[in-house]
Amino acid sequence: MQADRWLKARKTLKGDALKKEVEKQSWDDSVKALGSTADVISMMSDKIDWTKNLGDAVLAQQPDVMDAIQRLRSKAYDSKKLVTTKQQKVSVRGSPEDGASAARRCKRAAPGT
């Protein structure tokens, strides 16, 4: 909630200026990483019960949560919704032919994006 209020009070900050100011905050690195996605932070703040339940699930069932993330990424990738852009690079590791399930990985295309 604190990050949401902070970002709403500084809507004019963008890009490197926003990143620089976010880094000055005493927030956990996981919150800082979401600094450029104010809409996500806002949703997490507005739906605090959902956010708490998600956190509890990650703590109690991390392998299941990560499997669910990969299933959602697979669906998005297969329907051409998860693609490489100037902001992110999408890659696929492993395949059913290798005896492993394919893992979709998303990384920032460049620092600060």
Protein backbone atom coordinates (compact mmCIF):
# COMPACT_ATOMS: atom_id res chain seq x y z
CA MET A 1 0.00 0.00 0.00
CA GLN A 2 2.86 2.35 0.77
CA ALA A 3 4.38 1.88 -2.70
CA ASP A 4 0.97 2.44 -4.30
CA ARG A 5 0.47 5.73 -2.48
CA TRP A 6 4.05 6.80 -3.23
CA LEU A 7 3.68 6.07 -6.96
CA LYS A 8 0.30 7.83 -7.18
CA ALA A 9 1.85 10.93 -5.61
CA ARG A 10 4.64 10.85 -8.22
CA LYS A 11 2.77 10.07 -11.43
CA THR A 12 5.01 12.38 -13.45
CA LEU A 13 8.13 10.30 -12.76
CA LYS A 14 8.96 8.01 -15.68
CA GLY A 15 11.82 5.85 -16.93
CA ASP A 16 15.23 6.32 -15.34
CA ALA A 17 14.02 9.10 -13.04
CA LEU A 18 11.36 6.79 -11.60
CA LYS A 19 13.81 3.92 -11.23
CA LYS A 20 16.32 6.16 -9.45
CA GLU A 21 13.72 7.39 -6.95
CA VAL A 22 12.31 3.89 -6.36
CA GLU A 23 15.81 2.62 -5.56
CA LYS A 24 16.07 5.21 -2.76
CA GLN A 25 13.07 3.68 -0.97
CA SER A 26 13.50 1.21 1.90
CA TRP A 27 11.13 -1.26 0.27
CA ASP A 28 11.89 -4.92 -0.32
CA ASP A 29 13.61 -5.56 -3.66
CA SER A 30 10.53 -7.46 -4.88
CA VAL A 31 8.46 -4.28 -4.44
CA LYS A 32 11.14 -2.11 -6.07
CA ALA A 33 11.13 -4.45 -9.07
CA LEU A 34 7.46 -3.60 -9.61
CA GLY A 35 8.12 0.15 -9.46
CA SER A 36 7.65 0.61 -13.19
CA THR A 37 4.33 -1.25 -13.13
CA ALA A 38 2.16 1.08 -11.08
CA ASP A 39 -1.01 -0.67 -12.28
CA VAL A 40 0.18 -3.97 -10.74
CA ILE A 41 1.07 -2.33 -7.44
CA SER A 42 -2.29 -0.55 -7.44
CA MET A 43 -4.16 -3.81 -8.04
CA MET A 44 -2.20 -5.54 -5.26
CA SER A 45 -3.01 -2.65 -2.91
CA ASP A 46 -6.69 -2.54 -3.86
CA LYS A 47 -7.11 -6.31 -3.58
CA ILE A 48 -5.18 -6.88 -0.39
CA ASP A 49 -6.94 -10.18 0.42
CA TRP A 50 -5.94 -11.57 -2.99
CA THR A 51 -2.37 -10.34 -2.48
CA LYS A 52 -2.19 -11.98 0.96
CA ASN A 53 -3.61 -15.25 -0.38
CA LEU A 54 -1.08 -15.24 -3.21
CA GLY A 55 1.77 -14.65 -0.77
CA ASP A 56 0.51 -17.43 1.49
CA ALA A 57 0.27 -19.80 -1.49
CA VAL A 58 3.82 -18.98 -2.59
CA LEU A 59 5.12 -19.66 0.92
CA ALA A 60 3.13 -22.87 1.45
CA GLN A 61 3.11 -24.29 -2.08
CA GLN A 62 5.92 -22.70 -4.05
CA PRO A 63 6.38 -25.61 -6.51
CA ASP A 64 2.64 -25.62 -7.28
CA VAL A 65 2.58 -21.85 -7.80
CA MET A 66 5.60 -21.98 -10.10
CA ASP A 67 3.99 -24.82 -12.09
CA ALA A 68 0.83 -22.72 -12.44
CA ILE A 69 2.91 -19.79 -13.70
CA GLN A 70 4.52 -22.02 -16.33
CA ARG A 71 1.11 -23.35 -17.41
CA LEU A 72 -0.18 -19.78 -17.84
CA ARG A 73 2.97 -18.76 -19.71
CA SER A 74 2.60 -21.80 -21.98
CA LYS A 75 -0.99 -20.87 -22.82
CA ALA A 76 0.01 -17.27 -23.50
CA TYR A 77 3.03 -18.35 -25.58
CA ASP A 78 1.01 -20.86 -27.62
CA SER A 79 -1.64 -18.22 -28.36
CA LYS A 80 1.07 -15.70 -29.40
CA LYS A 81 0.33 -13.42 -26.43
CA LEU A 82 3.72 -13.96 -24.78
CA VAL A 83 6.31 -12.71 -27.25
CA THR A 84 9.65 -10.99 -27.29
CA THR A 85 9.31 -7.20 -27.38
CA LYS A 86 11.65 -4.29 -26.84
CA GLN A 87 10.81 -4.56 -23.12
CA GLN A 88 11.22 -8.32 -22.63
CA LYS A 89 12.92 -11.32 -24.13
CA VAL A 90 10.96 -14.57 -24.08
CA SER A 91 12.86 -17.84 -24.32
CA VAL A 92 11.92 -21.50 -24.08
CA ARG A 93 14.11 -24.06 -22.33
CA GLY A 94 13.59 -27.79 -22.50
CA SER A 95 11.01 -29.64 -24.51
CA PRO A 96 8.91 -32.78 -24.28
CA GLU A 97 11.36 -34.42 -26.69
CA ASP A 98 14.09 -33.92 -24.05
CA GLY A 99 11.93 -35.62 -21.44
CA ALA A 100 11.30 -32.29 -19.70
CA SER A 101 8.46 -29.86 -19.80
CA ALA A 102 9.25 -26.65 -21.62
CA ALA A 103 9.85 -23.66 -19.39
CA ARG A 104 9.04 -20.21 -20.68
CA ARG A 105 11.32 -17.54 -19.28
CA CYS A 106 10.78 -13.79 -19.45
CA LYS A 107 13.65 -11.41 -18.91
CA ARG A 108 14.04 -7.68 -19.28
CA ALA A 109 15.33 -6.89 -22.73
CA ALA A 110 17.54 -4.18 -21.27
CA PRO A 111 18.15 -2.79 -17.80
CA GLY A 112 15.55 -0.23 -16.82
CA THR A 113 12.82 -1.49 -19.15
